[in-house]
Amino acid sequence: MTSPNVNPEMPADEKSFVEFRRKVRSAEILSSAIERLLRALQFTGRLSVVVQNGRVLKSGYEEGYFTQRERDPHLCSEHSSPGSPVA
């Protein structure tokens, strides 16, 4: 499925980037199989993926990330609320 914002006359690499941004913004970055596993595990935490030249270089997770931040307000920065991602 392509984004309605993709102009058919746009170069292929631009179309791909527009579609990539749309999927990231709409949280469509995980496969449905991984999403099912996360729901089954009731996983709460942070997933990270490092991509280099279009290939996954490294991935990882932190369990209980949000729970830990909610318990200890000193772990939160001044500009974020508990449970919000930190850049």
PDB file of N, CA and C in Angstrom:
ATOM      1  N   MET A   1       0.840  -1.175   0.000  1.00  0.00           N
ATOM      2  CA  MET A   1       0.000   0.000   0.000  1.00  0.00           C
ATOM      3  C   MET A   1       0.883   1.235   0.000  1.00  0.00           C
ATOM      4  N   THR A   2       0.644   2.143  -0.929  1.00  0.00           N
ATOM      5  CA  THR A   2       1.441   3.354  -0.975  1.00  0.00           C
ATOM      6  C   THR A   2       0.646   4.516  -0.414  1.00  0.00           C
ATOM      7  N   SER A   3       1.370   5.522   0.017  1.00  0.00           N
ATOM      8  CA  SER A   3       0.773   6.693   0.623  1.00  0.00           C
ATOM      9  C   SER A   3       0.068   7.541  -0.429  1.00  0.00           C
ATOM     10  N   PRO A   4      -1.051   8.171  -0.055  1.00  0.00           N
ATOM     11  CA  PRO A   4      -1.709   9.058  -1.009  1.00  0.00           C
ATOM     12  C   PRO A   4      -0.864  10.299  -1.308  1.00  0.00           C
ATOM     13  N   ASN A   5       0.154  10.584  -0.481  1.00  0.00           N
ATOM     14  CA  ASN A   5       1.028  11.735  -0.690  1.00  0.00           C
ATOM     15  C   ASN A   5       2.113  11.462  -1.730  1.00  0.00           C
ATOM     16  N   VAL A   6       2.195  10.232  -2.230  1.00  0.00           N
ATOM     17  CA  VAL A   6       3.228   9.882  -3.200  1.00  0.00           C
ATOM     18  C   VAL A   6       2.747  10.273  -4.589  1.00  0.00           C
ATOM     19  N   ASN A   7       3.521  11.149  -5.217  1.00  0.00           N
ATOM     20  CA  ASN A   7       3.239  11.600  -6.570  1.00  0.00           C
ATOM     21  C   ASN A   7       3.778  10.548  -7.537  1.00  0.00           C
ATOM     22  N   PRO A   8       2.971  10.052  -8.472  1.00  0.00           N
ATOM     23  CA  PRO A   8       3.445   9.019  -9.403  1.00  0.00           C
ATOM     24  C   PRO A   8       4.620   9.470 -10.263  1.00  0.00           C
ATOM     25  N   GLU A   9       4.818  10.793 -10.393  1.00  0.00           N
ATOM     26  CA  GLU A   9       5.927  11.308 -11.198  1.00  0.00           C
ATOM     27  C   GLU A   9       7.192  11.509 -10.364  1.00  0.00           C
ATOM     28  N   MET A  10       7.121  11.245  -9.070  1.00  0.00           N
ATOM     29  CA  MET A  10       8.254  11.410  -8.167  1.00  0.00           C
ATOM     30  C   MET A  10       9.289  10.314  -8.437  1.00  0.00           C
ATOM     31  N   PRO A  11      10.587  10.630  -8.337  1.00  0.00           N
ATOM     32  CA  PRO A  11      11.609   9.587  -8.504  1.00  0.00           C
ATOM     33  C   PRO A  11      11.409   8.449  -7.489  1.00  0.00           C
ATOM     34  N   ALA A  12      11.820   7.250  -7.841  1.00  0.00           N
ATOM     35  CA  ALA A  12      11.601   6.055  -7.007  1.00  0.00           C
ATOM     36  C   ALA A  12      12.182   6.204  -5.607  1.00  0.00           C
ATOM     37  N   ASP A  13      13.390   6.795  -5.484  1.00  0.00           N
ATOM     38  CA  ASP A  13      13.981   6.920  -4.153  1.00  0.00           C
ATOM     39  C   ASP A  13      13.183   7.880  -3.278  1.00  0.00           C
ATOM     40  N   GLU A  14      12.616   8.932  -3.867  1.00  0.00           N
ATOM     41  CA  GLU A  14      11.772   9.847  -3.095  1.00  0.00           C
ATOM     42  C   GLU A  14      10.473   9.171  -2.675  1.00  0.00           C
ATOM     43  N   LYS A  15       9.883   8.367  -3.575  1.00  0.00           N
ATOM     44  CA  LYS A  15       8.666   7.628  -3.237  1.00  0.00           C
ATOM     45  C   LYS A  15       8.926   6.696  -2.066  1.00  0.00           C
ATOM     46  N   SER A  16      10.064   6.014  -2.106  1.00  0.00           N
ATOM     47  CA  SER A  16      10.416   5.086  -1.028  1.00  0.00           C
ATOM     48  C   SER A  16      10.571   5.813   0.299  1.00  0.00           C
ATOM     49  N   PHE A  17      11.216   6.984   0.268  1.00  0.00           N
ATOM     50  CA  PHE A  17      11.432   7.720   1.514  1.00  0.00           C
ATOM     51  C   PHE A  17      10.108   8.242   2.083  1.00  0.00           C
ATOM     52  N   VAL A  18       9.210   8.715   1.215  1.00  0.00           N
ATOM     53  CA  VAL A  18       7.891   9.176   1.668  1.00  0.00           C
ATOM     54  C   VAL A  18       7.144   8.017   2.321  1.00  0.00           C
ATOM     55  N   GLU A  19       7.193   6.849   1.710  1.00  0.00           N
ATOM     56  CA  GLU A  19       6.518   5.671   2.269  1.00  0.00           C
ATOM     57  C   GLU A  19       7.158   5.262   3.593  1.00  0.00           C
ATOM     58  N   PHE A  20       8.488   5.312   3.682  1.00  0.00           N
ATOM     59  CA  PHE A  20       9.207   5.011   4.927  1.00  0.00           C
ATOM     60  C   PHE A  20       8.748   5.951   6.043  1.00  0.00           C
ATOM     61  N   ARG A  21       8.723   7.254   5.772  1.00  0.00           N
ATOM     62  CA  ARG A  21       8.284   8.219   6.787  1.00  0.00           C
ATOM     63  C   ARG A  21       6.858   7.956   7.224  1.00  0.00           C
ATOM     64  N   ARG A  22       5.968   7.628   6.273  1.00  0.00           N
ATOM     65  CA  ARG A  22       4.570   7.361   6.611  1.00  0.00           C
ATOM     66  C   ARG A  22       4.466   6.166   7.544  1.00  0.00           C
ATOM     67  N   LYS A  23       5.214   5.101   7.239  1.00  0.00           N
ATOM     68  CA  LYS A  23       5.153   3.900   8.066  1.00  0.00           C
ATOM     69  C   LYS A  23       5.708   4.145   9.467  1.00  0.00           C
ATOM     70  N   VAL A  24       6.783   4.918   9.575  1.00  0.00           N
ATOM     71  CA  VAL A  24       7.339   5.232  10.894  1.00  0.00           C
ATOM     72  C   VAL A  24       6.343   6.062  11.691  1.00  0.00           C
ATOM     73  N   ARG A  25       5.778   7.078  11.081  1.00  0.00           N
ATOM     74  CA  ARG A  25       4.824   7.948  11.772  1.00  0.00           C
ATOM     75  C   ARG A  25       3.577   7.196  12.230  1.00  0.00           C
ATOM     76  N   SER A  26       3.139   6.227  11.460  1.00  0.00           N
ATOM     77  CA  SER A  26       1.929   5.487  11.818  1.00  0.00           C
ATOM     78  C   SER A  26       2.242   4.217  12.607  1.00  0.00           C
ATOM     79  N   ALA A  27       3.489   4.095  13.072  1.00  0.00           N
ATOM     80  CA  ALA A  27       3.934   2.959  13.899  1.00  0.00           C
ATOM     81  C   ALA A  27       3.762   1.620  13.189  1.00  0.00           C
ATOM     82  N   GLU A  28       3.993   1.590  11.896  1.00  0.00           N
ATOM     83  CA  GLU A  28       3.917   0.355  11.107  1.00  0.00           C
ATOM     84  C   GLU A  28       5.310  -0.198  10.840  1.00  0.00           C
ATOM     85  N   ILE A  29       6.190  -0.132  11.832  1.00  0.00           N
ATOM     86  CA  ILE A  29       7.575  -0.534  11.592  1.00  0.00           C
ATOM     87  C   ILE A  29       7.879  -1.962  12.014  1.00  0.00           C
ATOM     88  N   LEU A  30       6.959  -2.604  12.710  1.00  0.00           N
ATOM     89  CA  LEU A  30       7.178  -3.988  13.124  1.00  0.00           C
ATOM     90  C   LEU A  30       6.277  -4.912  12.321  1.00  0.00           C
ATOM     91  N   SER A  31       6.762  -6.098  12.079  1.00  0.00           N
ATOM     92  CA  SER A  31       5.927  -7.079  11.390  1.00  0.00           C
ATOM     93  C   SER A  31       4.782  -7.483  12.307  1.00  0.00           C
ATOM     94  N   SER A  32       3.721  -7.974  11.716  1.00  0.00           N
ATOM     95  CA  SER A  32       2.571  -8.400  12.520  1.00  0.00           C
ATOM     96  C   SER A  32       2.946  -9.562  13.440  1.00  0.00           C
ATOM     97  N   ALA A  33       3.892 -10.406  13.017  1.00  0.00           N
ATOM     98  CA  ALA A  33       4.329 -11.529  13.861  1.00  0.00           C
ATOM     99  C   ALA A  33       5.003 -11.019  15.138  1.00  0.00           C
ATOM    100  N   ILE A  34       5.866 -10.008  15.015  1.00  0.00           N
ATOM    101  CA  ILE A  34       6.528  -9.442  16.188  1.00  0.00           C
ATOM    102  C   ILE A  34       5.505  -8.749  17.081  1.00  0.00           C
ATOM    103  N   GLU A  35       4.566  -8.025  16.489  1.00  0.00           N
ATOM    104  CA  GLU A  35       3.530  -7.362  17.290  1.00  0.00           C
ATOM    105  C   GLU A  35       2.710  -8.388  18.067  1.00  0.00           C
ATOM    106  N   ARG A  36       2.387  -9.524  17.457  1.00  0.00           N
ATOM    107  CA  ARG A  36       1.645 -10.577  18.172  1.00  0.00           C
ATOM    108  C   ARG A  36       2.463 -11.115  19.332  1.00  0.00           C
ATOM    109  N   LEU A  37       3.764 -11.338  19.125  1.00  0.00           N
ATOM    110  CA  LEU A  37       4.629 -11.810  20.212  1.00  0.00           C
ATOM    111  C   LEU A  37       4.688 -10.795  21.356  1.00  0.00           C
ATOM    112  N   LEU A  38       4.823  -9.524  21.028  1.00  0.00           N
ATOM    113  CA  LEU A  38       4.871  -8.487  22.056  1.00  0.00           C
ATOM    114  C   LEU A  38       3.583  -8.459  22.871  1.00  0.00           C
ATOM    115  N   ARG A  39       2.437  -8.600  22.189  1.00  0.00           N
ATOM    116  CA  ARG A  39       1.146  -8.649  22.910  1.00  0.00           C
ATOM    117  C   ARG A  39       1.057  -9.888  23.776  1.00  0.00           C
ATOM    118  N   ALA A  40       1.459 -11.039  23.237  1.00  0.00           N
ATOM    119  CA  ALA A  40       1.388 -12.292  24.002  1.00  0.00           C
ATOM    120  C   ALA A  40       2.266 -12.224  25.247  1.00  0.00           C
ATOM    121  N   LEU A  41       3.422 -11.566  25.127  1.00  0.00           N
ATOM    122  CA  LEU A  41       4.332 -11.423  26.271  1.00  0.00           C
ATOM    123  C   LEU A  41       3.944 -10.264  27.182  1.00  0.00           C
ATOM    124  N   GLN A  42       3.011  -9.443  26.717  1.00  0.00           N
ATOM    125  CA  GLN A  42       2.657  -8.200  27.407  1.00  0.00           C
ATOM    126  C   GLN A  42       3.928  -7.382  27.668  1.00  0.00           C
ATOM    127  N   PHE A  43       4.775  -7.328  26.638  1.00  0.00           N
ATOM    128  CA  PHE A  43       6.058  -6.636  26.731  1.00  0.00           C
ATOM    129  C   PHE A  43       5.844  -5.145  26.932  1.00  0.00           C
ATOM    130  N   THR A  44       6.546  -4.598  27.893  1.00  0.00           N
ATOM    131  CA  THR A  44       6.585  -3.157  28.108  1.00  0.00           C
ATOM    132  C   THR A  44       8.051  -2.785  28.160  1.00  0.00           C
ATOM    133  N   GLY A  45       8.462  -1.945  27.279  1.00  0.00           N
ATOM    134  CA  GLY A  45       9.857  -1.554  27.260  1.00  0.00           C
ATOM    135  C   GLY A  45      10.193  -0.803  26.003  1.00  0.00           C
ATOM    136  N   ARG A  46      11.450  -0.765  25.708  1.00  0.00           N
ATOM    137  CA  ARG A  46      11.949  -0.028  24.554  1.00  0.00           C
ATOM    138  C   ARG A  46      12.651  -0.996  23.613  1.00  0.00           C
ATOM    139  N   LEU A  47      12.310  -0.907  22.329  1.00  0.00           N
ATOM    140  CA  LEU A  47      12.992  -1.668  21.292  1.00  0.00           C
ATOM    141  C   LEU A  47      13.870  -0.693  20.522  1.00  0.00           C
ATOM    142  N   SER A  48      15.047  -1.128  20.142  1.00  0.00           N
ATOM    143  CA  SER A  48      15.905  -0.261  19.338  1.00  0.00           C
ATOM    144  C   SER A  48      16.480  -1.063  18.177  1.00  0.00           C
ATOM    145  N   VAL A  49      16.616  -0.389  17.049  1.00  0.00           N
ATOM    146  CA  VAL A  49      17.167  -1.008  15.849  1.00  0.00           C
ATOM    147  C   VAL A  49      18.131  -0.010  15.226  1.00  0.00           C
ATOM    148  N   VAL A  50      19.326  -0.473  14.917  1.00  0.00           N
ATOM    149  CA  VAL A  50      20.315   0.355  14.233  1.00  0.00           C
ATOM    150  C   VAL A  50      20.433  -0.183  12.813  1.00  0.00           C
ATOM    151  N   VAL A  51      20.237   0.706  11.838  1.00  0.00           N
ATOM    152  CA  VAL A  51      20.270   0.324  10.432  1.00  0.00           C
ATOM    153  C   VAL A  51      21.418   1.067   9.752  1.00  0.00           C
ATOM    154  N   GLN A  52      22.188   0.327   8.964  1.00  0.00           N
ATOM    155  CA  GLN A  52      23.271   0.937   8.201  1.00  0.00           C
ATOM    156  C   GLN A  52      23.190   0.439   6.767  1.00  0.00           C
ATOM    157  N   ASN A  53      23.145   1.355   5.836  1.00  0.00           N
ATOM    158  CA  ASN A  53      23.051   1.021   4.411  1.00  0.00           C
ATOM    159  C   ASN A  53      21.894   0.068   4.117  1.00  0.00           C
ATOM    160  N   GLY A  54      20.762   0.301   4.771  1.00  0.00           N
ATOM    161  CA  GLY A  54      19.566  -0.491   4.513  1.00  0.00           C
ATOM    162  C   GLY A  54      19.518  -1.846   5.178  1.00  0.00           C
ATOM    163  N   ARG A  55      20.513  -2.182   5.980  1.00  0.00           N
ATOM    164  CA  ARG A  55      20.540  -3.484   6.662  1.00  0.00           C
ATOM    165  C   ARG A  55      20.547  -3.281   8.158  1.00  0.00           C
ATOM    166  N   VAL A  56      19.868  -4.173   8.880  1.00  0.00           N
ATOM    167  CA  VAL A  56      19.861  -4.095  10.343  1.00  0.00           C
ATOM    168  C   VAL A  56      21.245  -4.474  10.846  1.00  0.00           C
ATOM    169  N   LEU A  57      21.870  -3.524  11.518  1.00  0.00           N
ATOM    170  CA  LEU A  57      23.215  -3.725  12.038  1.00  0.00           C
ATOM    171  C   LEU A  57      23.162  -4.287  13.459  1.00  0.00           C
ATOM    172  N   LYS A  58      22.186  -3.820  14.234  1.00  0.00           N
ATOM    173  CA  LYS A  58      22.103  -4.205  15.642  1.00  0.00           C
ATOM    174  C   LYS A  58      20.682  -3.955  16.115  1.00  0.00           C
ATOM    175  N   SER A  59      20.201  -4.790  17.030  1.00  0.00           N
ATOM    176  CA  SER A  59      18.896  -4.546  17.636  1.00  0.00           C
ATOM    177  C   SER A  59      18.956  -4.955  19.103  1.00  0.00           C
ATOM    178  N   GLY A  60      18.041  -4.403  19.867  1.00  0.00           N
ATOM    179  CA  GLY A  60      18.039  -4.724  21.289  1.00  0.00           C
ATOM    180  C   GLY A  60      16.751  -4.279  21.947  1.00  0.00           C
ATOM    181  N   TYR A  61      16.651  -4.534  23.244  1.00  0.00           N
ATOM    182  CA  TYR A  61      15.471  -4.135  23.991  1.00  0.00           C
ATOM    183  C   TYR A  61      15.838  -3.860  25.443  1.00  0.00           C
ATOM    184  N   GLU A  62      14.996  -3.055  26.080  1.00  0.00           N
ATOM    185  CA  GLU A  62      15.104  -2.785  27.513  1.00  0.00           C
ATOM    186  C   GLU A  62      13.752  -3.111  28.121  1.00  0.00           C
ATOM    187  N   GLU A  63      13.700  -4.150  28.923  1.00  0.00           N
ATOM    188  CA  GLU A  63      12.441  -4.503  29.579  1.00  0.00           C
ATOM    189  C   GLU A  63      12.173  -3.552  30.723  1.00  0.00           C
ATOM    190  N   GLY A  64      10.897  -3.273  30.947  1.00  0.00           N
ATOM    191  CA  GLY A  64      10.507  -2.475  32.100  1.00  0.00           C
ATOM    192  C   GLY A  64      10.971  -1.037  32.055  1.00  0.00           C
ATOM    193  N   TYR A  65      11.353  -0.539  30.891  1.00  0.00           N
ATOM    194  CA  TYR A  65      11.862   0.830  30.759  1.00  0.00           C
ATOM    195  C   TYR A  65      10.860   1.836  31.309  1.00  0.00           C
ATOM    196  N   PHE A  66       9.605   1.753  30.862  1.00  0.00           N
ATOM    197  CA  PHE A  66       8.608   2.737  31.286  1.00  0.00           C
ATOM    198  C   PHE A  66       8.226   2.550  32.743  1.00  0.00           C
ATOM    199  N   THR A  67       8.119   1.316  33.203  1.00  0.00           N
ATOM    200  CA  THR A  67       7.772   1.046  34.595  1.00  0.00           C
ATOM    201  C   THR A  67       8.826   1.632  35.524  1.00  0.00           C
ATOM    202  N   GLN A  68      10.097   1.453  35.193  1.00  0.00           N
ATOM    203  CA  GLN A  68      11.180   1.966  36.021  1.00  0.00           C
ATOM    204  C   GLN A  68      11.129   3.495  36.068  1.00  0.00           C
ATOM    205  N   ARG A  69      10.886   4.148  34.950  1.00  0.00           N
ATOM    206  CA  ARG A  69      10.839   5.605  34.911  1.00  0.00           C
ATOM    207  C   ARG A  69       9.656   6.128  35.713  1.00  0.00           C
ATOM    208  N   GLU A  70       8.531   5.431  35.681  1.00  0.00           N
ATOM    209  CA  GLU A  70       7.359   5.878  36.429  1.00  0.00           C
ATOM    210  C   GLU A  70       7.599   5.773  37.929  1.00  0.00           C
ATOM    211  N   ARG A  71       8.358   4.781  38.373  1.00  0.00           N
ATOM    212  CA  ARG A  71       8.637   4.600  39.792  1.00  0.00           C
ATOM    213  C   ARG A  71       9.624   5.625  40.327  1.00  0.00           C
ATOM    214  N   ASP A  72      10.603   6.031  39.507  1.00  0.00           N
ATOM    215  CA  ASP A  72      11.645   6.946  39.953  1.00  0.00           C
ATOM    216  C   ASP A  72      11.617   8.204  39.098  1.00  0.00           C
ATOM    217  N   PRO A  73      10.935   9.262  39.576  1.00  0.00           N
ATOM    218  CA  PRO A  73      10.803  10.468  38.768  1.00  0.00           C
ATOM    219  C   PRO A  73      12.135  11.150  38.473  1.00  0.00           C
ATOM    220  N   HIS A  74      13.198  10.832  39.225  1.00  0.00           N
ATOM    221  CA  HIS A  74      14.502  11.422  38.975  1.00  0.00           C
ATOM    222  C   HIS A  74      15.112  10.909  37.679  1.00  0.00           C
ATOM    223  N   LEU A  75      14.607   9.783  37.155  1.00  0.00           N
ATOM    224  CA  LEU A  75      15.103   9.256  35.888  1.00  0.00           C
ATOM    225  C   LEU A  75      14.521  10.003  34.698  1.00  0.00           C
ATOM    226  N   CYS A  76      13.440  10.745  34.925  1.00  0.00           N
ATOM    227  CA  CYS A  76      12.792  11.488  33.844  1.00  0.00           C
ATOM    228  C   CYS A  76      13.496  12.815  33.644  1.00  0.00           C
ATOM    229  N   SER A  77      13.632  13.227  32.401  1.00  0.00           N
ATOM    230  CA  SER A  77      14.188  14.554  32.132  1.00  0.00           C
ATOM    231  C   SER A  77      13.108  15.589  32.372  1.00  0.00           C
ATOM    232  N   GLU A  78      13.499  16.840  32.442  1.00  0.00           N
ATOM    233  CA  GLU A  78      12.544  17.914  32.690  1.00  0.00           C
ATOM    234  C   GLU A  78      11.540  18.050  31.566  1.00  0.00           C
ATOM    235  N   HIS A  79      11.909  17.667  30.357  1.00  0.00           N
ATOM    236  CA  HIS A  79      11.072  17.901  29.192  1.00  0.00           C
ATOM    237  C   HIS A  79      10.242  16.687  28.774  1.00  0.00           C
ATOM    238  N   SER A  80      10.284  15.616  29.522  1.00  0.00           N
ATOM    239  CA  SER A  80       9.496  14.444  29.137  1.00  0.00           C
ATOM    240  C   SER A  80       8.605  14.046  30.297  1.00  0.00           C
ATOM    241  N   SER A  81       7.524  13.384  29.961  1.00  0.00           N
ATOM    242  CA  SER A  81       6.631  12.884  30.986  1.00  0.00           C
ATOM    243  C   SER A  81       6.875  11.394  31.142  1.00  0.00           C
ATOM    244  N   PRO A  82       6.513  10.802  32.280  1.00  0.00           N
ATOM    245  CA  PRO A  82       6.713   9.363  32.457  1.00  0.00           C
ATOM    246  C   PRO A  82       6.019   8.604  31.340  1.00  0.00           C
ATOM    247  N   GLY A  83       6.757   7.676  30.786  1.00  0.00           N
ATOM    248  CA  GLY A  83       6.189   6.846  29.730  1.00  0.00           C
ATOM    249  C   GLY A  83       6.424   7.391  28.338  1.00  0.00           C
ATOM    250  N   SER A  84       6.928   8.621  28.236  1.00  0.00           N
ATOM    251  CA  SER A  84       7.191   9.154  26.905  1.00  0.00           C
ATOM    252  C   SER A  84       8.622   8.834  26.510  1.00  0.00           C
ATOM    253  N   PRO A  85       8.867   8.599  25.218  1.00  0.00           N
ATOM    254  CA  PRO A  85      10.218   8.260  24.781  1.00  0.00           C
ATOM    255  C   PRO A  85      11.159   9.450  24.977  1.00  0.00           C
ATOM    256  N   VAL A  86      12.391   9.138  25.248  1.00  0.00           N
ATOM    257  CA  VAL A  86      13.416  10.166  25.425  1.00  0.00           C
ATOM    258  C   VAL A  86      14.376  10.057  24.252  1.00  0.00           C
ATOM    259  N   ALA A  87      14.672  11.169  23.634  1.00  0.00           N
ATOM    260  CA  ALA A  87      15.561  11.166  22.458  1.00  0.00           C
ATOM    261  C   ALA A  87      16.998  10.992  22.875  1.00  0.00           C
TER     262      ALA A  87
END
